[in-house]
Amino acid sequence: MSTPAIQTFEQPVMPPVVDHPRVERREVGAPERHSWTLYESATDGISAGIWHCEPGRWRIEFGPREHEYFFVVQGRARLHSVDGTVTELGPGQAAVIPAGFRGSFEVLERVRKHFVVVER
C-alpha cells in the first residue's frame, strides 16, 4: 500500500473555479470569488484549498454536518451571525464556522484564505 502524498498550499498553476454569490443571497455587491480545491477526500468528507474574494457581502447557511476552518492570509473579512454577533478577521487570524451557522460573510478588503471544509 502506498503512502498518500502531502499537499502543500502554494499558489496553484491550474485555473480557479470562479463564481459569484447567488443573486438571492447577495446583500452588498456581486463579488467575484476564486476557489482552488487542492485536496479532496469524499470518503472522509474533507476538502481544502485556497480562496480569494473581492469586497462584498452575502448570506451563508451551513448544513447540520458542515464545518469550515479557515486562515486569513491577506485582507479583512467579517462574519455576521443572525443573533447580531460580528467577528472580524485579518491576516494571521483563523476561525471555525460551525455546522448550522447562519448569517452573512462580508469581505472588507480583498481576502485570500486557506480553508478546510469537513462534512460529517
PDB file of N, CA and C in Angstrom:
ATOM      1  N   MET A   1       0.843  -1.186   0.000  1.00  0.00           N
ATOM      2  CA  MET A   1       0.000   0.000   0.000  1.00  0.00           C
ATOM      3  C   MET A   1       0.884   1.245   0.000  1.00  0.00           C
ATOM      4  N   SER A   2       0.593   2.187  -0.884  1.00  0.00           N
ATOM      5  CA  SER A   2       1.414   3.394  -0.973  1.00  0.00           C
ATOM      6  C   SER A   2       0.954   4.438   0.047  1.00  0.00           C
ATOM      7  N   THR A   3       1.894   5.283   0.440  1.00  0.00           N
ATOM      8  CA  THR A   3       1.604   6.352   1.377  1.00  0.00           C
ATOM      9  C   THR A   3       1.029   7.539   0.608  1.00  0.00           C
ATOM     10  N   PRO A   4      -0.086   8.135   1.083  1.00  0.00           N
ATOM     11  CA  PRO A   4      -0.641   9.306   0.392  1.00  0.00           C
ATOM     12  C   PRO A   4       0.355  10.463   0.391  1.00  0.00           C
ATOM     13  N   ALA A   5       0.286  11.283  -0.653  1.00  0.00           N
ATOM     14  CA  ALA A   5       1.186  12.427  -0.800  1.00  0.00           C
ATOM     15  C   ALA A   5       0.725  13.596   0.059  1.00  0.00           C
ATOM     16  N   ILE A   6       1.672  14.358   0.559  1.00  0.00           N
ATOM     17  CA  ILE A   6       1.391  15.593   1.293  1.00  0.00           C
ATOM     18  C   ILE A   6       0.981  16.670   0.293  1.00  0.00           C
ATOM     19  N   GLN A   7      -0.054  17.442   0.618  1.00  0.00           N
ATOM     20  CA  GLN A   7      -0.496  18.545  -0.234  1.00  0.00           C
ATOM     21  C   GLN A   7      -0.020  19.860   0.367  1.00  0.00           C
ATOM     22  N   THR A   8       0.743  20.622  -0.398  1.00  0.00           N
ATOM     23  CA  THR A   8       1.182  21.937   0.059  1.00  0.00           C
ATOM     24  C   THR A   8       0.191  22.994  -0.446  1.00  0.00           C
ATOM     25  N   PHE A   9       0.266  24.187   0.134  1.00  0.00           N
ATOM     26  CA  PHE A   9      -0.680  25.241  -0.202  1.00  0.00           C
ATOM     27  C   PHE A   9      -0.002  26.414  -0.901  1.00  0.00           C
ATOM     28  N   GLU A  10       0.800  26.124  -1.897  1.00  0.00           N
ATOM     29  CA  GLU A  10       1.376  27.172  -2.720  1.00  0.00           C
ATOM     30  C   GLU A  10       0.344  27.564  -3.768  1.00  0.00           C
ATOM     31  N   GLN A  11       0.514  28.738  -4.370  1.00  0.00           N
ATOM     32  CA  GLN A  11      -0.447  29.172  -5.385  1.00  0.00           C
ATOM     33  C   GLN A  11      -0.444  28.176  -6.537  1.00  0.00           C
ATOM     34  N   PRO A  12      -1.583  27.563  -6.816  1.00  0.00           N
ATOM     35  CA  PRO A  12      -1.640  26.563  -7.895  1.00  0.00           C
ATOM     36  C   PRO A  12      -1.493  27.199  -9.282  1.00  0.00           C
ATOM     37  N   VAL A  13      -1.019  26.400 -10.221  1.00  0.00           N
ATOM     38  CA  VAL A  13      -0.899  26.860 -11.601  1.00  0.00           C
ATOM     39  C   VAL A  13      -2.189  26.619 -12.371  1.00  0.00           C
ATOM     40  N   MET A  14      -3.040  25.729 -11.865  1.00  0.00           N
ATOM     41  CA  MET A  14      -4.316  25.454 -12.531  1.00  0.00           C
ATOM     42  C   MET A  14      -5.252  26.647 -12.345  1.00  0.00           C
ATOM     43  N   PRO A  15      -6.161  26.870 -13.292  1.00  0.00           N
ATOM     44  CA  PRO A  15      -7.093  27.993 -13.138  1.00  0.00           C
ATOM     45  C   PRO A  15      -8.089  27.716 -12.009  1.00  0.00           C
ATOM     46  N   PRO A  16      -8.583  28.787 -11.362  1.00  0.00           N
ATOM     47  CA  PRO A  16      -9.541  28.593 -10.273  1.00  0.00           C
ATOM     48  C   PRO A  16     -10.953  28.356 -10.806  1.00  0.00           C
ATOM     49  N   VAL A  17     -11.816  27.899  -9.929  1.00  0.00           N
ATOM     50  CA  VAL A  17     -13.250  27.925 -10.195  1.00  0.00           C
ATOM     51  C   VAL A  17     -13.683  29.336  -9.818  1.00  0.00           C
ATOM     52  N   VAL A  18     -14.316  30.051 -10.733  1.00  0.00           N
ATOM     53  CA  VAL A  18     -14.735  31.432 -10.498  1.00  0.00           C
ATOM     54  C   VAL A  18     -16.257  31.472 -10.408  1.00  0.00           C
ATOM     55  N   ASP A  19     -16.758  32.143  -9.355  1.00  0.00           N
ATOM     56  CA  ASP A  19     -18.204  32.295  -9.221  1.00  0.00           C
ATOM     57  C   ASP A  19     -18.533  33.583  -8.479  1.00  0.00           C
ATOM     58  N   HIS A  20     -19.814  33.802  -8.262  1.00  0.00           N
ATOM     59  CA  HIS A  20     -20.344  34.937  -7.510  1.00  0.00           C
ATOM     60  C   HIS A  20     -21.408  34.388  -6.564  1.00  0.00           C
ATOM     61  N   PRO A  21     -21.681  35.095  -5.457  1.00  0.00           N
ATOM     62  CA  PRO A  21     -22.783  34.642  -4.611  1.00  0.00           C
ATOM     63  C   PRO A  21     -24.084  34.599  -5.422  1.00  0.00           C
ATOM     64  N   ARG A  22     -24.939  33.653  -5.076  1.00  0.00           N
ATOM     65  CA  ARG A  22     -26.237  33.573  -5.765  1.00  0.00           C
ATOM     66  C   ARG A  22     -26.997  34.878  -5.561  1.00  0.00           C
ATOM     67  N   VAL A  23     -27.738  35.302  -6.561  1.00  0.00           N
ATOM     68  CA  VAL A  23     -28.456  36.579  -6.546  1.00  0.00           C
ATOM     69  C   VAL A  23     -29.312  36.719  -5.294  1.00  0.00           C
ATOM     70  N   GLU A  24     -30.029  35.672  -4.924  1.00  0.00           N
ATOM     71  CA  GLU A  24     -30.947  35.755  -3.781  1.00  0.00           C
ATOM     72  C   GLU A  24     -30.224  35.859  -2.432  1.00  0.00           C
ATOM     73  N   ARG A  25     -28.905  35.629  -2.401  1.00  0.00           N
ATOM     74  CA  ARG A  25     -28.138  35.722  -1.154  1.00  0.00           C
ATOM     75  C   ARG A  25     -27.319  37.009  -1.045  1.00  0.00           C
ATOM     76  N   ARG A  26     -27.233  37.765  -2.118  1.00  0.00           N
ATOM     77  CA  ARG A  26     -26.398  38.980  -2.127  1.00  0.00           C
ATOM     78  C   ARG A  26     -26.999  40.065  -1.242  1.00  0.00           C
ATOM     79  N   GLU A  27     -26.112  40.686  -0.443  1.00  0.00           N
ATOM     80  CA  GLU A  27     -26.510  41.830   0.385  1.00  0.00           C
ATOM     81  C   GLU A  27     -25.817  43.104  -0.066  1.00  0.00           C
ATOM     82  N   VAL A  28     -24.530  43.006  -0.450  1.00  0.00           N
ATOM     83  CA  VAL A  28     -23.767  44.148  -0.964  1.00  0.00           C
ATOM     84  C   VAL A  28     -22.902  43.642  -2.113  1.00  0.00           C
ATOM     85  N   GLY A  29     -23.121  44.179  -3.293  1.00  0.00           N
ATOM     86  CA  GLY A  29     -22.291  43.834  -4.440  1.00  0.00           C
ATOM     87  C   GLY A  29     -22.511  42.415  -4.957  1.00  0.00           C
ATOM     88  N   ALA A  30     -21.676  42.065  -5.922  1.00  0.00           N
ATOM     89  CA  ALA A  30     -21.662  40.730  -6.527  1.00  0.00           C
ATOM     90  C   ALA A  30     -20.205  40.315  -6.677  1.00  0.00           C
ATOM     91  N   PRO A  31     -19.512  40.105  -5.540  1.00  0.00           N
ATOM     92  CA  PRO A  31     -18.059  39.875  -5.603  1.00  0.00           C
ATOM     93  C   PRO A  31     -17.677  38.614  -6.367  1.00  0.00           C
ATOM     94  N   GLU A  32     -16.550  38.734  -7.070  1.00  0.00           N
ATOM     95  CA  GLU A  32     -16.001  37.579  -7.777  1.00  0.00           C
ATOM     96  C   GLU A  32     -15.187  36.753  -6.791  1.00  0.00           C
ATOM     97  N   ARG A  33     -15.460  35.438  -6.773  1.00  0.00           N
ATOM     98  CA  ARG A  33     -14.766  34.528  -5.863  1.00  0.00           C
ATOM     99  C   ARG A  33     -13.971  33.519  -6.690  1.00  0.00           C
ATOM    100  N   HIS A  34     -12.734  33.261  -6.273  1.00  0.00           N
ATOM    101  CA  HIS A  34     -11.853  32.299  -6.947  1.00  0.00           C
ATOM    102  C   HIS A  34     -11.532  31.187  -5.948  1.00  0.00           C
ATOM    103  N   SER A  35     -11.763  29.952  -6.339  1.00  0.00           N
ATOM    104  CA  SER A  35     -11.504  28.806  -5.455  1.00  0.00           C
ATOM    105  C   SER A  35     -10.606  27.794  -6.145  1.00  0.00           C
ATOM    106  N   TRP A  36      -9.616  27.329  -5.394  1.00  0.00           N
ATOM    107  CA  TRP A  36      -8.749  26.237  -5.829  1.00  0.00           C
ATOM    108  C   TRP A  36      -8.872  25.130  -4.785  1.00  0.00           C
ATOM    109  N   THR A  37      -9.525  24.042  -5.116  1.00  0.00           N
ATOM    110  CA  THR A  37      -9.591  22.902  -4.203  1.00  0.00           C
ATOM    111  C   THR A  37      -8.343  22.075  -4.447  1.00  0.00           C
ATOM    112  N   LEU A  38      -7.478  22.011  -3.430  1.00  0.00           N
ATOM    113  CA  LEU A  38      -6.187  21.340  -3.564  1.00  0.00           C
ATOM    114  C   LEU A  38      -6.194  19.927  -3.007  1.00  0.00           C
ATOM    115  N   TYR A  39      -7.167  19.646  -2.145  1.00  0.00           N
ATOM    116  CA  TYR A  39      -7.260  18.317  -1.535  1.00  0.00           C
ATOM    117  C   TYR A  39      -8.738  18.001  -1.350  1.00  0.00           C
ATOM    118  N   GLU A  40      -9.101  16.769  -1.683  1.00  0.00           N
ATOM    119  CA  GLU A  40     -10.479  16.345  -1.506  1.00  0.00           C
ATOM    120  C   GLU A  40     -10.514  14.861  -1.196  1.00  0.00           C
ATOM    121  N   SER A  41     -11.279  14.501  -0.187  1.00  0.00           N
ATOM    122  CA  SER A  41     -11.483  13.101   0.178  1.00  0.00           C
ATOM    123  C   SER A  41     -12.967  12.898   0.417  1.00  0.00           C
ATOM    124  N   ALA A  42     -13.648  12.387  -0.591  1.00  0.00           N
ATOM    125  CA  ALA A  42     -15.089  12.173  -0.484  1.00  0.00           C
ATOM    126  C   ALA A  42     -15.426  11.169   0.608  1.00  0.00           C
ATOM    127  N   THR A  43     -14.573  10.169   0.802  1.00  0.00           N
ATOM    128  CA  THR A  43     -14.865   9.160   1.833  1.00  0.00           C
ATOM    129  C   THR A  43     -14.801   9.740   3.233  1.00  0.00           C
ATOM    130  N   ASP A  44     -13.966  10.778   3.445  1.00  0.00           N
ATOM    131  CA  ASP A  44     -13.847  11.411   4.757  1.00  0.00           C
ATOM    132  C   ASP A  44     -14.645  12.705   4.861  1.00  0.00           C
ATOM    133  N   GLY A  45     -15.205  13.184   3.748  1.00  0.00           N
ATOM    134  CA  GLY A  45     -15.962  14.423   3.750  1.00  0.00           C
ATOM    135  C   GLY A  45     -15.112  15.656   3.991  1.00  0.00           C
ATOM    136  N   ILE A  46     -13.888  15.648   3.474  1.00  0.00           N
ATOM    137  CA  ILE A  46     -12.953  16.752   3.697  1.00  0.00           C
ATOM    138  C   ILE A  46     -12.526  17.354   2.360  1.00  0.00           C
ATOM    139  N   SER A  47     -12.497  18.687   2.311  1.00  0.00           N
ATOM    140  CA  SER A  47     -11.890  19.375   1.170  1.00  0.00           C
ATOM    141  C   SER A  47     -11.095  20.556   1.722  1.00  0.00           C
ATOM    142  N   ALA A  48     -10.041  20.924   1.009  1.00  0.00           N
ATOM    143  CA  ALA A  48      -9.171  22.003   1.468  1.00  0.00           C
ATOM    144  C   ALA A  48      -8.601  22.723   0.260  1.00  0.00           C
ATOM    145  N   GLY A  49      -8.304  24.008   0.438  1.00  0.00           N
ATOM    146  CA  GLY A  49      -7.736  24.747  -0.677  1.00  0.00           C
ATOM    147  C   GLY A  49      -7.504  26.209  -0.352  1.00  0.00           C
ATOM    148  N   ILE A  50      -7.467  27.001  -1.425  1.00  0.00           N
ATOM    149  CA  ILE A  50      -7.211  28.435  -1.355  1.00  0.00           C
ATOM    150  C   ILE A  50      -8.413  29.151  -1.952  1.00  0.00           C
ATOM    151  N   TRP A  51      -8.767  30.281  -1.353  1.00  0.00           N
ATOM    152  CA  TRP A  51      -9.923  31.058  -1.799  1.00  0.00           C
ATOM    153  C   TRP A  51      -9.570  32.531  -1.799  1.00  0.00           C
ATOM    154  N   HIS A  52      -9.909  33.228  -2.886  1.00  0.00           N
ATOM    155  CA  HIS A  52      -9.745  34.687  -3.000  1.00  0.00           C
ATOM    156  C   HIS A  52     -11.132  35.274  -3.222  1.00  0.00           C
ATOM    157  N   CYS A  53     -11.376  36.473  -2.707  1.00  0.00           N
ATOM    158  CA  CYS A  53     -12.658  37.122  -2.954  1.00  0.00           C
ATOM    159  C   CYS A  53     -12.526  38.631  -2.892  1.00  0.00           C
ATOM    160  N   GLU A  54     -13.267  39.309  -3.767  1.00  0.00           N
ATOM    161  CA  GLU A  54     -13.352  40.768  -3.798  1.00  0.00           C
ATOM    162  C   GLU A  54     -14.346  41.235  -2.733  1.00  0.00           C
ATOM    163  N   PRO A  55     -14.334  42.523  -2.364  1.00  0.00           N
ATOM    164  CA  PRO A  55     -15.272  43.034  -1.368  1.00  0.00           C
ATOM    165  C   PRO A  55     -16.739  42.831  -1.754  1.00  0.00           C
ATOM    166  N   GLY A  56     -17.536  42.558  -0.737  1.00  0.00           N
ATOM    167  CA  GLY A  56     -18.970  42.353  -0.888  1.00  0.00           C
ATOM    168  C   GLY A  56     -19.511  41.631   0.338  1.00  0.00           C
ATOM    169  N   ARG A  57     -20.817  41.377   0.341  1.00  0.00           N
ATOM    170  CA  ARG A  57     -21.446  40.694   1.478  1.00  0.00           C
ATOM    171  C   ARG A  57     -22.618  39.857   0.979  1.00  0.00           C
ATOM    172  N   TRP A  58     -22.733  38.626   1.516  1.00  0.00           N
ATOM    173  CA  TRP A  58     -23.808  37.721   1.128  1.00  0.00           C
ATOM    174  C   TRP A  58     -24.170  36.813   2.304  1.00  0.00           C
ATOM    175  N   ARG A  59     -25.394  36.319   2.285  1.00  0.00           N
ATOM    176  CA  ARG A  59     -25.873  35.414   3.334  1.00  0.00           C
ATOM    177  C   ARG A  59     -25.284  34.021   3.135  1.00  0.00           C
ATOM    178  N   ILE A  60     -24.947  33.375   4.266  1.00  0.00           N
ATOM    179  CA  ILE A  60     -24.461  31.995   4.237  1.00  0.00           C
ATOM    180  C   ILE A  60     -25.271  31.159   5.225  1.00  0.00           C
ATOM    181  N   GLU A  61     -25.443  29.898   4.909  1.00  0.00           N
ATOM    182  CA  GLU A  61     -26.115  28.938   5.790  1.00  0.00           C
ATOM    183  C   GLU A  61     -25.368  27.618   5.685  1.00  0.00           C
ATOM    184  N   PHE A  62     -24.794  27.175   6.794  1.00  0.00           N
ATOM    185  CA  PHE A  62     -24.067  25.913   6.810  1.00  0.00           C
ATOM    186  C   PHE A  62     -25.025  24.787   7.171  1.00  0.00           C
ATOM    187  N   GLY A  63     -24.844  23.657   6.527  1.00  0.00           N
ATOM    188  CA  GLY A  63     -25.670  22.494   6.816  1.00  0.00           C
ATOM    189  C   GLY A  63     -25.381  21.944   8.208  1.00  0.00           C
ATOM    190  N   PRO A  64     -26.190  21.009   8.662  1.00  0.00           N
ATOM    191  CA  PRO A  64     -26.048  20.465  10.019  1.00  0.00           C
ATOM    192  C   PRO A  64     -24.784  19.637  10.227  1.00  0.00           C
ATOM    193  N   ARG A  65     -24.082  19.289   9.136  1.00  0.00           N
ATOM    194  CA  ARG A  65     -22.868  18.475   9.257  1.00  0.00           C
ATOM    195  C   ARG A  65     -21.658  19.150   8.616  1.00  0.00           C
ATOM    196  N   GLU A  66     -21.791  20.425   8.252  1.00  0.00           N
ATOM    197  CA  GLU A  66     -20.739  21.142   7.517  1.00  0.00           C
ATOM    198  C   GLU A  66     -20.024  22.141   8.428  1.00  0.00           C
ATOM    199  N   HIS A  67     -18.713  22.002   8.556  1.00  0.00           N
ATOM    200  CA  HIS A  67     -17.868  22.887   9.348  1.00  0.00           C
ATOM    201  C   HIS A  67     -16.765  23.423   8.427  1.00  0.00           C
ATOM    202  N   GLU A  68     -16.331  24.663   8.673  1.00  0.00           N
ATOM    203  CA  GLU A  68     -15.194  25.196   7.910  1.00  0.00           C
ATOM    204  C   GLU A  68     -14.206  25.859   8.864  1.00  0.00           C
ATOM    205  N   TYR A  69     -12.950  25.445   8.743  1.00  0.00           N
ATOM    206  CA  TYR A  69     -11.826  26.134   9.380  1.00  0.00           C
ATOM    207  C   TYR A  69     -11.169  26.941   8.272  1.00  0.00           C
ATOM    208  N   PHE A  70     -10.834  28.209   8.560  1.00  0.00           N
ATOM    209  CA  PHE A  70     -10.067  28.976   7.575  1.00  0.00           C
ATOM    210  C   PHE A  70      -9.060  29.877   8.256  1.00  0.00           C
ATOM    211  N   PHE A  71      -7.996  30.183   7.511  1.00  0.00           N
ATOM    212  CA  PHE A  71      -6.893  31.027   7.957  1.00  0.00           C
ATOM    213  C   PHE A  71      -6.752  32.164   6.952  1.00  0.00           C
ATOM    214  N   VAL A  72      -6.838  33.396   7.421  1.00  0.00           N
ATOM    215  CA  VAL A  72      -6.741  34.558   6.540  1.00  0.00           C
ATOM    216  C   VAL A  72      -5.265  34.867   6.266  1.00  0.00           C
ATOM    217  N   VAL A  73      -4.894  34.820   5.006  1.00  0.00           N
ATOM    218  CA  VAL A  73      -3.528  35.126   4.581  1.00  0.00           C
ATOM    219  C   VAL A  73      -3.387  36.626   4.321  1.00  0.00           C
ATOM    220  N   GLN A  74      -4.396  37.215   3.678  1.00  0.00           N
ATOM    221  CA  GLN A  74      -4.378  38.656   3.433  1.00  0.00           C
ATOM    222  C   GLN A  74      -5.810  39.168   3.367  1.00  0.00           C
ATOM    223  N   GLY A  75      -5.969  40.467   3.614  1.00  0.00           N
ATOM    224  CA  GLY A  75      -7.285  41.091   3.553  1.00  0.00           C
ATOM    225  C   GLY A  75      -8.022  41.059   4.879  1.00  0.00           C
ATOM    226  N   ARG A  76      -9.282  41.500   4.856  1.00  0.00           N
ATOM    227  CA  ARG A  76     -10.113  41.545   6.057  1.00  0.00           C
ATOM    228  C   ARG A  76     -11.507  41.063   5.712  1.00  0.00           C
ATOM    229  N   ALA A  77     -12.104  40.327   6.650  1.00  0.00           N
ATOM    230  CA  ALA A  77     -13.461  39.814   6.474  1.00  0.00           C
ATOM    231  C   ALA A  77     -14.215  39.884   7.792  1.00  0.00           C
ATOM    232  N   ARG A  78     -15.532  39.898   7.696  1.00  0.00           N
ATOM    233  CA  ARG A  78     -16.399  39.842   8.872  1.00  0.00           C
ATOM    234  C   ARG A  78     -17.422  38.744   8.682  1.00  0.00           C
ATOM    235  N   LEU A  79     -17.703  38.056   9.781  1.00  0.00           N
ATOM    236  CA  LEU A  79     -18.812  37.102   9.825  1.00  0.00           C
ATOM    237  C   LEU A  79     -19.884  37.721  10.707  1.00  0.00           C
ATOM    238  N   HIS A  80     -21.098  37.805  10.186  1.00  0.00           N
ATOM    239  CA  HIS A  80     -22.240  38.353  10.913  1.00  0.00           C
ATOM    240  C   HIS A  80     -23.192  37.205  11.206  1.00  0.00           C
ATOM    241  N   SER A  81     -23.408  36.908  12.471  1.00  0.00           N
ATOM    242  CA  SER A  81     -24.346  35.862  12.861  1.00  0.00           C
ATOM    243  C   SER A  81     -25.759  36.441  12.900  1.00  0.00           C
ATOM    244  N   VAL A  82     -26.778  35.588  12.711  1.00  0.00           N
ATOM    245  CA  VAL A  82     -28.157  36.066  12.772  1.00  0.00           C
ATOM    246  C   VAL A  82     -28.506  36.615  14.153  1.00  0.00           C
ATOM    247  N   ASP A  83     -27.744  36.253  15.200  1.00  0.00           N
ATOM    248  CA  ASP A  83     -28.003  36.782  16.546  1.00  0.00           C
ATOM    249  C   ASP A  83     -27.357  38.150  16.775  1.00  0.00           C
ATOM    250  N   GLY A  84     -26.683  38.703  15.743  1.00  0.00           N
ATOM    251  CA  GLY A  84     -26.076  40.027  15.850  1.00  0.00           C
ATOM    252  C   GLY A  84     -24.591  40.030  16.180  1.00  0.00           C
ATOM    253  N   THR A  85     -24.018  38.878  16.490  1.00  0.00           N
ATOM    254  CA  THR A  85     -22.591  38.786  16.778  1.00  0.00           C
ATOM    255  C   THR A  85     -21.787  39.029  15.500  1.00  0.00           C
ATOM    256  N   VAL A  86     -20.742  39.848  15.604  1.00  0.00           N
ATOM    257  CA  VAL A  86     -19.875  40.137  14.460  1.00  0.00           C
ATOM    258  C   VAL A  86     -18.453  39.740  14.831  1.00  0.00           C
ATOM    259  N   THR A  87     -17.821  38.966  13.963  1.00  0.00           N
ATOM    260  CA  THR A  87     -16.433  38.533  14.164  1.00  0.00           C
ATOM    261  C   THR A  87     -15.621  39.043  12.982  1.00  0.00           C
ATOM    262  N   GLU A  88     -14.594  39.859  13.265  1.00  0.00           N
ATOM    263  CA  GLU A  88     -13.742  40.390  12.199  1.00  0.00           C
ATOM    264  C   GLU A  88     -12.396  39.697  12.241  1.00  0.00           C
ATOM    265  N   LEU A  89     -11.894  39.345  11.060  1.00  0.00           N
ATOM    266  CA  LEU A  89     -10.628  38.626  10.948  1.00  0.00           C
ATOM    267  C   LEU A  89      -9.733  39.282   9.907  1.00  0.00           C
ATOM    268  N   GLY A  90      -8.428  39.257  10.189  1.00  0.00           N
ATOM    269  CA  GLY A  90      -7.450  39.795   9.260  1.00  0.00           C
ATOM    270  C   GLY A  90      -6.272  38.854   9.126  1.00  0.00           C
ATOM    271  N   PRO A  91      -5.214  39.300   8.475  1.00  0.00           N
ATOM    272  CA  PRO A  91      -4.050  38.453   8.223  1.00  0.00           C
ATOM    273  C   PRO A  91      -3.514  37.804   9.498  1.00  0.00           C
ATOM    274  N   GLY A  92      -3.259  36.503   9.403  1.00  0.00           N
ATOM    275  CA  GLY A  92      -2.715  35.760  10.534  1.00  0.00           C
ATOM    276  C   GLY A  92      -3.763  35.259  11.503  1.00  0.00           C
ATOM    277  N   GLN A  93      -5.034  35.549  11.260  1.00  0.00           N
ATOM    278  CA  GLN A  93      -6.100  35.083  12.145  1.00  0.00           C
ATOM    279  C   GLN A  93      -6.867  33.947  11.490  1.00  0.00           C
ATOM    280  N   ALA A  94      -7.458  33.111  12.339  1.00  0.00           N
ATOM    281  CA  ALA A  94      -8.195  31.945  11.864  1.00  0.00           C
ATOM    282  C   ALA A  94      -9.500  31.823  12.619  1.00  0.00           C
ATOM    283  N   ALA A  95     -10.440  31.077  12.056  1.00  0.00           N
ATOM    284  CA  ALA A  95     -11.737  30.859  12.695  1.00  0.00           C
ATOM    285  C   ALA A  95     -12.330  29.544  12.213  1.00  0.00           C
ATOM    286  N   VAL A  96     -13.313  29.066  12.961  1.00  0.00           N
ATOM    287  CA  VAL A  96     -14.122  27.921  12.556  1.00  0.00           C
ATOM    288  C   VAL A  96     -15.554  28.401  12.419  1.00  0.00           C
ATOM    289  N   ILE A  97     -16.159  28.146  11.278  1.00  0.00           N
ATOM    290  CA  ILE A  97     -17.595  28.374  11.109  1.00  0.00           C
ATOM    291  C   ILE A  97     -18.240  27.025  11.409  1.00  0.00           C
ATOM    292  N   PRO A  98     -19.037  26.941  12.489  1.00  0.00           N
ATOM    293  CA  PRO A  98     -19.579  25.652  12.898  1.00  0.00           C
ATOM    294  C   PRO A  98     -20.793  25.219  12.070  1.00  0.00           C
ATOM    295  N   ALA A  99     -21.062  23.939  12.124  1.00  0.00           N
ATOM    296  CA  ALA A  99     -22.242  23.386  11.464  1.00  0.00           C
ATOM    297  C   ALA A  99     -23.478  24.129  11.948  1.00  0.00           C
ATOM    298  N   GLY A 100     -24.402  24.395  11.041  1.00  0.00           N
ATOM    299  CA  GLY A 100     -25.642  25.060  11.379  1.00  0.00           C
ATOM    300  C   GLY A 100     -25.566  26.575  11.437  1.00  0.00           C
ATOM    301  N   PHE A 101     -24.356  27.161  11.218  1.00  0.00           N
ATOM    302  CA  PHE A 101     -24.210  28.619  11.277  1.00  0.00           C
ATOM    303  C   PHE A 101     -25.075  29.274  10.202  1.00  0.00           C
ATOM    304  N   ARG A 102     -25.736  30.363  10.581  1.00  0.00           N
ATOM    305  CA  ARG A 102     -26.493  31.188   9.640  1.00  0.00           C
ATOM    306  C   ARG A 102     -26.118  32.638   9.869  1.00  0.00           C
ATOM    307  N   GLY A 103     -25.912  33.351   8.789  1.00  0.00           N
ATOM    308  CA  GLY A 103     -25.547  34.754   8.891  1.00  0.00           C
ATOM    309  C   GLY A 103     -25.067  35.280   7.562  1.00  0.00           C
ATOM    310  N   SER A 104     -24.053  36.152   7.609  1.00  0.00           N
ATOM    311  CA  SER A 104     -23.504  36.751   6.391  1.00  0.00           C
ATOM    312  C   SER A 104     -21.985  36.719   6.440  1.00  0.00           C
ATOM    313  N   PHE A 105     -21.385  36.598   5.266  1.00  0.00           N
ATOM    314  CA  PHE A 105     -19.943  36.694   5.101  1.00  0.00           C
ATOM    315  C   PHE A 105     -19.689  38.001   4.375  1.00  0.00           C
ATOM    316  N   GLU A 106     -18.844  38.864   4.963  1.00  0.00           N
ATOM    317  CA  GLU A 106     -18.540  40.157   4.382  1.00  0.00           C
ATOM    318  C   GLU A 106     -17.040  40.281   4.152  1.00  0.00           C
ATOM    319  N   VAL A 107     -16.657  40.606   2.938  1.00  0.00           N
ATOM    320  CA  VAL A 107     -15.259  40.859   2.607  1.00  0.00           C
ATOM    321  C   VAL A 107     -15.070  42.372   2.575  1.00  0.00           C
ATOM    322  N   LEU A 108     -14.234  42.868   3.483  1.00  0.00           N
ATOM    323  CA  LEU A 108     -13.966  44.307   3.586  1.00  0.00           C
ATOM    324  C   LEU A 108     -12.845  44.745   2.659  1.00  0.00           C
ATOM    325  N   GLU A 109     -11.782  43.936   2.610  1.00  0.00           N
ATOM    326  CA  GLU A 109     -10.635  44.132   1.718  1.00  0.00           C
ATOM    327  C   GLU A 109     -10.382  42.790   1.065  1.00  0.00           C
ATOM    328  N   ARG A 110      -9.993  42.796  -0.194  1.00  0.00           N
ATOM    329  CA  ARG A 110      -9.791  41.533  -0.911  1.00  0.00           C
ATOM    330  C   ARG A 110      -9.142  40.499   0.003  1.00  0.00           C
ATOM    331  N   VAL A 111      -9.784  39.347   0.120  1.00  0.00           N
ATOM    332  CA  VAL A 111      -9.347  38.294   1.031  1.00  0.00           C
ATOM    333  C   VAL A 111      -8.716  37.144   0.263  1.00  0.00           C
ATOM    334  N   ARG A 112      -7.663  36.617   0.866  1.00  0.00           N
ATOM    335  CA  ARG A 112      -7.073  35.347   0.436  1.00  0.00           C
ATOM    336  C   ARG A 112      -7.046  34.497   1.692  1.00  0.00           C
ATOM    337  N   LYS A 113      -7.621  33.320   1.627  1.00  0.00           N
ATOM    338  CA  LYS A 113      -7.633  32.438   2.793  1.00  0.00           C
ATOM    339  C   LYS A 113      -7.353  31.010   2.373  1.00  0.00           C
ATOM    340  N   HIS A 114      -6.853  30.253   3.321  1.00  0.00           N
ATOM    341  CA  HIS A 114      -6.741  28.803   3.190  1.00  0.00           C
ATOM    342  C   HIS A 114      -7.932  28.234   3.942  1.00  0.00           C
ATOM    343  N   PHE A 115      -8.568  27.222   3.385  1.00  0.00           N
ATOM    344  CA  PHE A 115      -9.751  26.667   4.017  1.00  0.00           C
ATOM    345  C   PHE A 115      -9.712  25.144   4.101  1.00  0.00           C
ATOM    346  N   VAL A 116     -10.421  24.632   5.111  1.00  0.00           N
ATOM    347  CA  VAL A 116     -10.671  23.200   5.235  1.00  0.00           C
ATOM    348  C   VAL A 116     -12.145  23.054   5.577  1.00  0.00           C
ATOM    349  N   VAL A 117     -12.881  22.331   4.757  1.00  0.00           N
ATOM    350  CA  VAL A 117     -14.308  22.075   4.983  1.00  0.00           C
ATOM    351  C   VAL A 117     -14.459  20.605   5.336  1.00  0.00           C
ATOM    352  N   VAL A 118     -15.194  20.340   6.409  1.00  0.00           N
ATOM    353  CA  VAL A 118     -15.463  18.964   6.826  1.00  0.00           C
ATOM    354  C   VAL A 118     -16.960  18.786   6.875  1.00  0.00           C
ATOM    355  N   GLU A 119     -17.461  17.747   6.198  1.00  0.00           N
ATOM    356  CA  GLU A 119     -18.877  17.393   6.240  1.00  0.00           C
ATOM    357  C   GLU A 119     -18.987  15.987   6.793  1.00  0.00           C
ATOM    358  N   ARG A 120     -19.541  15.892   8.005  1.00  0.00           N
ATOM    359  CA  ARG A 120     -19.685  14.577   8.656  1.00  0.00           C
ATOM    360  C   ARG A 120     -21.027  14.452   9.284  1.00  0.00           C
TER     361      ARG A 120
END
